[in-house]
């Protein structure tokens, strides 16, 4: 692969990546404390703060458009049930992302079992593409994200989760390791493999002038 092609692929990955500012951990901590103490308003504000990032992460982890709202709803139900187990001083975002990754994994398992029971024609109903567009996004940015997100489908579930959390959601490797319940060394290994596979896939994709 030429130097220019490699540079283009790196740019694609970077520009399709982080678009969210890190959440304010202090605000989250205050809202969690108030919600645990019984404030419905604090709980509502906490969930509203993280609704868009959760939906984005669910999408990046490969959940189809038809199922994203249901998976997100399941995630917030789990948050409500287990909020008292959140440890003050830790990152709420990291804790929430761990719940999200686990919920997506459970969803994939359910879909896999269902697919084995269904005919190929019925299963194809779940493959309707998402054509929604975020307000203000230009066509080039949308196309770059589409290319990268399509390439993510070639990664293993764990490689995809590591790449999305570190490269696209901005988690530190140690925090990503804690979120996924694996070691930092394992995060580095999966991240290296994911980067190599994505570079190879993007280098084979037709480049637009």
C-alpha atoms as a PDB file:
ATOM      1  CA  UNK A   1       0.000   0.000   0.000  1.00  0.00           C
ATOM      2  CA  UNK A   2       1.407   3.401  -0.941  1.00  0.00           C
ATOM      3  CA  UNK A   3       2.195   6.078   1.625  1.00  0.00           C
ATOM      4  CA  UNK A   4      -0.623   8.267   0.335  1.00  0.00           C
ATOM      5  CA  UNK A   5      -3.142   5.394   0.512  1.00  0.00           C
ATOM      6  CA  UNK A   6      -2.064   4.586   4.064  1.00  0.00           C
ATOM      7  CA  UNK A   7      -2.414   8.234   5.033  1.00  0.00           C
ATOM      8  CA  UNK A   8      -5.893   8.356   3.502  1.00  0.00           C
ATOM      9  CA  UNK A   9      -6.982   5.249   5.429  1.00  0.00           C
ATOM     10  CA  UNK A  10      -5.680   6.694   8.703  1.00  0.00           C
ATOM     11  CA  UNK A  11      -7.558   9.927   7.995  1.00  0.00           C
ATOM     12  CA  UNK A  12     -10.738   8.003   7.305  1.00  0.00           C
ATOM     13  CA  UNK A  13     -10.475   6.207  10.630  1.00  0.00           C
ATOM     14  CA  UNK A  14      -9.726   9.403  12.507  1.00  0.00           C
ATOM     15  CA  UNK A  15     -12.461  11.534  10.955  1.00  0.00           C
ATOM     16  CA  UNK A  16     -15.091   8.821  11.341  1.00  0.00           C
ATOM     17  CA  UNK A  17     -14.147   8.412  14.959  1.00  0.00           C
ATOM     18  CA  UNK A  18     -14.649  10.536  18.025  1.00  0.00           C
ATOM     19  CA  UNK A  19     -17.397  13.104  17.653  1.00  0.00           C
ATOM     20  CA  UNK A  20     -18.518  13.240  21.249  1.00  0.00           C
ATOM     21  CA  UNK A  21     -17.012  15.249  24.072  1.00  0.00           C
ATOM     22  CA  UNK A  22     -16.128  13.179  27.150  1.00  0.00           C
ATOM     23  CA  UNK A  23     -18.931  13.318  29.703  1.00  0.00           C
ATOM     24  CA  UNK A  24     -18.421  15.367  32.865  1.00  0.00           C
ATOM     25  CA  UNK A  25     -17.782  12.734  35.531  1.00  0.00           C
ATOM     26  CA  UNK A  26     -18.556  15.170  38.353  1.00  0.00           C
ATOM     27  CA  UNK A  27     -21.997  15.955  36.955  1.00  0.00           C
ATOM     28  CA  UNK A  28     -22.659  12.243  36.432  1.00  0.00           C
ATOM     29  CA  UNK A  29     -21.573  11.446  39.993  1.00  0.00           C
ATOM     30  CA  UNK A  30     -23.909  14.087  41.434  1.00  0.00           C
ATOM     31  CA  UNK A  31     -26.822  12.852  39.343  1.00  0.00           C
ATOM     32  CA  UNK A  32     -26.167   9.221  40.304  1.00  0.00           C
ATOM     33  CA  UNK A  33     -26.063  10.119  43.997  1.00  0.00           C
ATOM     34  CA  UNK A  34     -29.338  12.054  43.725  1.00  0.00           C
ATOM     35  CA  UNK A  35     -30.989   9.276  41.702  1.00  0.00           C
ATOM     36  CA  UNK A  36     -29.953   6.628  44.229  1.00  0.00           C
ATOM     37  CA  UNK A  37     -31.381   8.857  46.954  1.00  0.00           C
ATOM     38  CA  UNK A  38     -34.733   8.732  45.175  1.00  0.00           C
ATOM     39  CA  UNK A  39     -34.759  11.689  42.766  1.00  0.00           C
ATOM     40  CA  UNK A  40     -36.683  10.754  39.626  1.00  0.00           C
ATOM     41  CA  UNK A  41     -35.652  14.069  38.047  1.00  0.00           C
ATOM     42  CA  UNK A  42     -31.947  13.270  38.543  1.00  0.00           C
ATOM     43  CA  UNK A  43     -32.409   9.818  37.034  1.00  0.00           C
ATOM     44  CA  UNK A  44     -34.213  11.297  34.025  1.00  0.00           C
ATOM     45  CA  UNK A  45     -31.458  13.886  33.507  1.00  0.00           C
ATOM     46  CA  UNK A  46     -28.776  11.197  33.812  1.00  0.00           C
ATOM     47  CA  UNK A  47     -30.414   9.020  31.172  1.00  0.00           C
ATOM     48  CA  UNK A  48     -31.011  11.996  28.865  1.00  0.00           C
ATOM     49  CA  UNK A  49     -27.312  12.950  29.094  1.00  0.00           C
ATOM     50  CA  UNK A  50     -26.270   9.515  27.859  1.00  0.00           C
ATOM     51  CA  UNK A  51     -29.093   8.531  25.496  1.00  0.00           C
ATOM     52  CA  UNK A  52     -27.347   9.755  22.326  1.00  0.00           C
ATOM     53  CA  UNK A  53     -23.922   8.219  23.178  1.00  0.00           C
ATOM     54  CA  UNK A  54     -25.565   4.879  24.000  1.00  0.00           C
ATOM     55  CA  UNK A  55     -27.504   4.828  20.730  1.00  0.00           C
ATOM     56  CA  UNK A  56     -24.301   5.715  18.870  1.00  0.00           C
ATOM     57  CA  UNK A  57     -22.371   2.921  20.596  1.00  0.00           C
ATOM     58  CA  UNK A  58     -25.151   0.417  19.919  1.00  0.00           C
ATOM     59  CA  UNK A  59     -25.001   1.377  16.234  1.00  0.00           C
ATOM     60  CA  UNK A  60     -21.214   1.137  16.068  1.00  0.00           C
ATOM     61  CA  UNK A  61     -21.320  -2.287  17.697  1.00  0.00           C
ATOM     62  CA  UNK A  62     -23.424  -3.498  14.777  1.00  0.00           C
ATOM     63  CA  UNK A  63     -27.021  -3.614  16.027  1.00  0.00           C
ATOM     64  CA  UNK A  64     -29.421  -3.231  13.107  1.00  0.00           C
ATOM     65  CA  UNK A  65     -31.558  -0.095  12.815  1.00  0.00           C
ATOM     66  CA  UNK A  66     -34.760  -1.977  13.620  1.00  0.00           C
ATOM     67  CA  UNK A  67     -33.402  -3.202  16.958  1.00  0.00           C
ATOM     68  CA  UNK A  68     -31.440  -0.219  18.308  1.00  0.00           C
ATOM     69  CA  UNK A  69     -34.240   1.399  20.282  1.00  0.00           C
ATOM     70  CA  UNK A  70     -35.145  -1.924  21.926  1.00  0.00           C
ATOM     71  CA  UNK A  71     -31.528  -2.614  22.874  1.00  0.00           C
ATOM     72  CA  UNK A  72     -31.111   0.919  24.240  1.00  0.00           C
ATOM     73  CA  UNK A  73     -34.286   0.476  26.290  1.00  0.00           C
ATOM     74  CA  UNK A  74     -32.900  -2.752  27.741  1.00  0.00           C
ATOM     75  CA  UNK A  75     -29.663  -0.954  28.602  1.00  0.00           C
ATOM     76  CA  UNK A  76     -31.441   1.783  30.537  1.00  0.00           C
ATOM     77  CA  UNK A  77     -33.588  -0.776  32.347  1.00  0.00           C
ATOM     78  CA  UNK A  78     -30.351  -2.453  33.484  1.00  0.00           C
ATOM     79  CA  UNK A  79     -28.977   0.929  34.554  1.00  0.00           C
ATOM     80  CA  UNK A  80     -32.083   1.554  36.668  1.00  0.00           C
ATOM     81  CA  UNK A  81     -31.917  -1.897  38.259  1.00  0.00           C
ATOM     82  CA  UNK A  82     -28.207  -1.784  39.081  1.00  0.00           C
ATOM     83  CA  UNK A  83     -27.553   1.918  39.698  1.00  0.00           C
ATOM     84  CA  UNK A  84     -26.984   1.298  43.408  1.00  0.00           C
ATOM     85  CA  UNK A  85     -24.035  -0.961  42.535  1.00  0.00           C
ATOM     86  CA  UNK A  86     -22.180   1.897  40.827  1.00  0.00           C
ATOM     87  CA  UNK A  87     -19.075   2.762  42.834  1.00  0.00           C
ATOM     88  CA  UNK A  88     -18.489   6.492  43.453  1.00  0.00           C
ATOM     89  CA  UNK A  89     -15.161   7.677  42.108  1.00  0.00           C
ATOM     90  CA  UNK A  90     -15.367   5.477  39.025  1.00  0.00           C
ATOM     91  CA  UNK A  91     -16.327   6.668  35.557  1.00  0.00           C
ATOM     92  CA  UNK A  92     -20.094   6.441  35.033  1.00  0.00           C
ATOM     93  CA  UNK A  93     -19.517   6.427  31.291  1.00  0.00           C
ATOM     94  CA  UNK A  94     -17.224   3.413  31.567  1.00  0.00           C
ATOM     95  CA  UNK A  95     -19.754   1.638  33.790  1.00  0.00           C
ATOM     96  CA  UNK A  96     -22.562   2.442  31.350  1.00  0.00           C
ATOM     97  CA  UNK A  97     -20.510   1.292  28.368  1.00  0.00           C
ATOM     98  CA  UNK A  98     -19.870  -2.048  30.044  1.00  0.00           C
ATOM     99  CA  UNK A  99     -23.622  -2.520  30.457  1.00  0.00           C
ATOM    100  CA  UNK A 100     -24.044  -1.512  26.798  1.00  0.00           C
ATOM    101  CA  UNK A 101     -21.459  -3.968  25.495  1.00  0.00           C
ATOM    102  CA  UNK A 102     -22.983  -6.778  27.564  1.00  0.00           C
ATOM    103  CA  UNK A 103     -26.492  -5.918  26.372  1.00  0.00           C
ATOM    104  CA  UNK A 104     -25.370  -5.906  22.739  1.00  0.00           C
ATOM    105  CA  UNK A 105     -23.652  -9.266  23.260  1.00  0.00           C
ATOM    106  CA  UNK A 106     -26.845 -10.709  24.771  1.00  0.00           C
ATOM    107  CA  UNK A 107     -28.841  -9.283  21.865  1.00  0.00           C
ATOM    108  CA  UNK A 108     -26.487 -10.899  19.347  1.00  0.00           C
ATOM    109  CA  UNK A 109     -26.852 -14.228  21.122  1.00  0.00           C
ATOM    110  CA  UNK A 110     -30.649 -14.007  21.037  1.00  0.00           C
ATOM    111  CA  UNK A 111     -30.629 -13.030  17.361  1.00  0.00           C
ATOM    112  CA  UNK A 112     -28.266 -15.883  16.528  1.00  0.00           C
ATOM    113  CA  UNK A 113     -30.534 -18.406  18.241  1.00  0.00           C
ATOM    114  CA  UNK A 114     -33.579 -16.942  16.495  1.00  0.00           C
ATOM    115  CA  UNK A 115     -31.849 -16.968  13.098  1.00  0.00           C
ATOM    116  CA  UNK A 116     -31.191 -20.687  13.451  1.00  0.00           C
ATOM    117  CA  UNK A 117     -34.928 -21.249  13.919  1.00  0.00           C
ATOM    118  CA  UNK A 118     -36.055 -18.988  11.070  1.00  0.00           C
ATOM    119  CA  UNK A 119     -35.949 -19.342   7.329  1.00  0.00           C
ATOM    120  CA  UNK A 120     -33.382 -17.300   5.363  1.00  0.00           C
ATOM    121  CA  UNK A 121     -36.203 -15.206   3.889  1.00  0.00           C
ATOM    122  CA  UNK A 122     -37.516 -14.191   7.314  1.00  0.00           C
ATOM    123  CA  UNK A 123     -34.051 -13.458   8.662  1.00  0.00           C
ATOM    124  CA  UNK A 124     -33.410 -10.991   5.839  1.00  0.00           C
ATOM    125  CA  UNK A 125     -36.079  -8.690   7.272  1.00  0.00           C
ATOM    126  CA  UNK A 126     -33.547  -7.739   9.968  1.00  0.00           C
ATOM    127  CA  UNK A 127     -31.065  -6.512   7.372  1.00  0.00           C
ATOM    128  CA  UNK A 128     -32.916  -3.342   6.366  1.00  0.00           C
ATOM    129  CA  UNK A 129     -30.244  -0.624   6.273  1.00  0.00           C
ATOM    130  CA  UNK A 130     -30.381   2.537   8.373  1.00  0.00           C
ATOM    131  CA  UNK A 131     -30.789   5.563   6.119  1.00  0.00           C
ATOM    132  CA  UNK A 132     -31.268   8.121   8.879  1.00  0.00           C
ATOM    133  CA  UNK A 133     -28.871  11.046   8.909  1.00  0.00           C
ATOM    134  CA  UNK A 134     -27.812  13.261  11.764  1.00  0.00           C
ATOM    135  CA  UNK A 135     -28.814  16.922  11.253  1.00  0.00           C
ATOM    136  CA  UNK A 136     -25.929  19.030   9.990  1.00  0.00           C
ATOM    137  CA  UNK A 137     -23.819  16.142   8.735  1.00  0.00           C
ATOM    138  CA  UNK A 138     -22.470  16.731   5.274  1.00  0.00           C
ATOM    139  CA  UNK A 139     -22.409  14.053   2.586  1.00  0.00           C
ATOM    140  CA  UNK A 140     -18.652  13.487   2.783  1.00  0.00           C
ATOM    141  CA  UNK A 141     -18.680  12.919   6.549  1.00  0.00           C
ATOM    142  CA  UNK A 142     -21.610  10.524   6.226  1.00  0.00           C
ATOM    143  CA  UNK A 143     -19.834   8.585   3.491  1.00  0.00           C
ATOM    144  CA  UNK A 144     -16.650   8.293   5.558  1.00  0.00           C
ATOM    145  CA  UNK A 145     -18.589   6.984   8.523  1.00  0.00           C
ATOM    146  CA  UNK A 146     -20.452   4.559   6.274  1.00  0.00           C
ATOM    147  CA  UNK A 147     -17.206   3.151   4.887  1.00  0.00           C
ATOM    148  CA  UNK A 148     -15.632   2.694   8.317  1.00  0.00           C
ATOM    149  CA  UNK A 149     -18.769   1.279   9.918  1.00  0.00           C
ATOM    150  CA  UNK A 150     -19.158  -1.192   7.060  1.00  0.00           C
ATOM    151  CA  UNK A 151     -15.545  -2.252   7.582  1.00  0.00           C
ATOM    152  CA  UNK A 152     -16.213  -2.785  11.302  1.00  0.00           C
ATOM    153  CA  UNK A 153     -18.470  -5.676  10.342  1.00  0.00           C
ATOM    154  CA  UNK A 154     -15.409  -7.705   9.341  1.00  0.00           C
ATOM    155  CA  UNK A 155     -14.002  -7.618  12.883  1.00  0.00           C
ATOM    156  CA  UNK A 156     -14.702 -10.134  15.610  1.00  0.00           C
ATOM    157  CA  UNK A 157     -17.151  -9.040  18.302  1.00  0.00           C
ATOM    158  CA  UNK A 158     -14.346  -8.380  20.811  1.00  0.00           C
ATOM    159  CA  UNK A 159     -12.100  -6.589  18.269  1.00  0.00           C
ATOM    160  CA  UNK A 160     -15.005  -4.377  17.271  1.00  0.00           C
ATOM    161  CA  UNK A 161     -15.856  -3.546  20.876  1.00  0.00           C
ATOM    162  CA  UNK A 162     -12.237  -2.647  21.705  1.00  0.00           C
ATOM    163  CA  UNK A 163     -11.787  -0.519  18.574  1.00  0.00           C
ATOM    164  CA  UNK A 164     -15.066   1.346  19.043  1.00  0.00           C
ATOM    165  CA  UNK A 165     -14.482   2.062  22.735  1.00  0.00           C
ATOM    166  CA  UNK A 166     -10.874   3.220  22.333  1.00  0.00           C
ATOM    167  CA  UNK A 167     -10.703   4.797  18.876  1.00  0.00           C
ATOM    168  CA  UNK A 168     -14.258   6.030  18.394  1.00  0.00           C
ATOM    169  CA  UNK A 169     -15.506   6.696  21.932  1.00  0.00           C
ATOM    170  CA  UNK A 170     -12.225   7.921  23.382  1.00  0.00           C
ATOM    171  CA  UNK A 171     -11.890   5.617  26.384  1.00  0.00           C
ATOM    172  CA  UNK A 172      -8.400   5.124  27.788  1.00  0.00           C
ATOM    173  CA  UNK A 173      -7.119   1.593  27.262  1.00  0.00           C
ATOM    174  CA  UNK A 174      -7.210   0.861  30.993  1.00  0.00           C
ATOM    175  CA  UNK A 175     -10.812   2.060  31.197  1.00  0.00           C
ATOM    176  CA  UNK A 176     -11.746   0.028  28.128  1.00  0.00           C
ATOM    177  CA  UNK A 177     -10.162  -3.041  29.739  1.00  0.00           C
ATOM    178  CA  UNK A 178     -12.209  -2.479  32.907  1.00  0.00           C
ATOM    179  CA  UNK A 179     -15.352  -1.900  30.842  1.00  0.00           C
ATOM    180  CA  UNK A 180     -14.910  -5.163  28.930  1.00  0.00           C
ATOM    181  CA  UNK A 181     -13.621  -7.175  31.879  1.00  0.00           C
ATOM    182  CA  UNK A 182     -10.292  -7.975  30.213  1.00  0.00           C
ATOM    183  CA  UNK A 183      -6.655  -6.966  30.749  1.00  0.00           C
ATOM    184  CA  UNK A 184      -4.954  -3.922  29.239  1.00  0.00           C
ATOM    185  CA  UNK A 185      -2.627  -6.286  27.380  1.00  0.00           C
ATOM    186  CA  UNK A 186      -5.631  -7.992  25.802  1.00  0.00           C
ATOM    187  CA  UNK A 187      -7.026  -4.592  24.823  1.00  0.00           C
ATOM    188  CA  UNK A 188      -3.753  -3.700  23.102  1.00  0.00           C
ATOM    189  CA  UNK A 189      -3.702  -7.019  21.252  1.00  0.00           C
ATOM    190  CA  UNK A 190      -7.293  -6.717  19.998  1.00  0.00           C
ATOM    191  CA  UNK A 191      -6.768  -3.053  19.114  1.00  0.00           C
ATOM    192  CA  UNK A 192      -3.669  -3.872  17.075  1.00  0.00           C
ATOM    193  CA  UNK A 193      -5.486  -6.628  15.194  1.00  0.00           C
ATOM    194  CA  UNK A 194      -8.517  -4.417  14.581  1.00  0.00           C
ATOM    195  CA  UNK A 195      -6.392  -1.580  13.215  1.00  0.00           C
ATOM    196  CA  UNK A 196      -4.477  -3.931  10.916  1.00  0.00           C
ATOM    197  CA  UNK A 197      -7.657  -5.532   9.566  1.00  0.00           C
ATOM    198  CA  UNK A 198      -9.388  -2.192   9.043  1.00  0.00           C
ATOM    199  CA  UNK A 199      -6.363  -0.760   7.227  1.00  0.00           C
ATOM    200  CA  UNK A 200      -6.310  -3.796   4.948  1.00  0.00           C
ATOM    201  CA  UNK A 201     -10.035  -3.532   4.227  1.00  0.00           C
ATOM    202  CA  UNK A 202      -9.959   0.222   3.635  1.00  0.00           C
ATOM    203  CA  UNK A 203      -6.913  -0.074   1.381  1.00  0.00           C
ATOM    204  CA  UNK A 204      -8.950  -2.384  -0.867  1.00  0.00           C
ATOM    205  CA  UNK A 205     -11.954  -0.051  -0.936  1.00  0.00           C
ATOM    206  CA  UNK A 206     -12.215   2.147  -4.033  1.00  0.00           C
ATOM    207  CA  UNK A 207     -10.946   5.640  -3.242  1.00  0.00           C
ATOM    208  CA  UNK A 208     -12.981   8.576  -4.491  1.00  0.00           C
ATOM    209  CA  UNK A 209     -11.023  11.398  -6.151  1.00  0.00           C
END
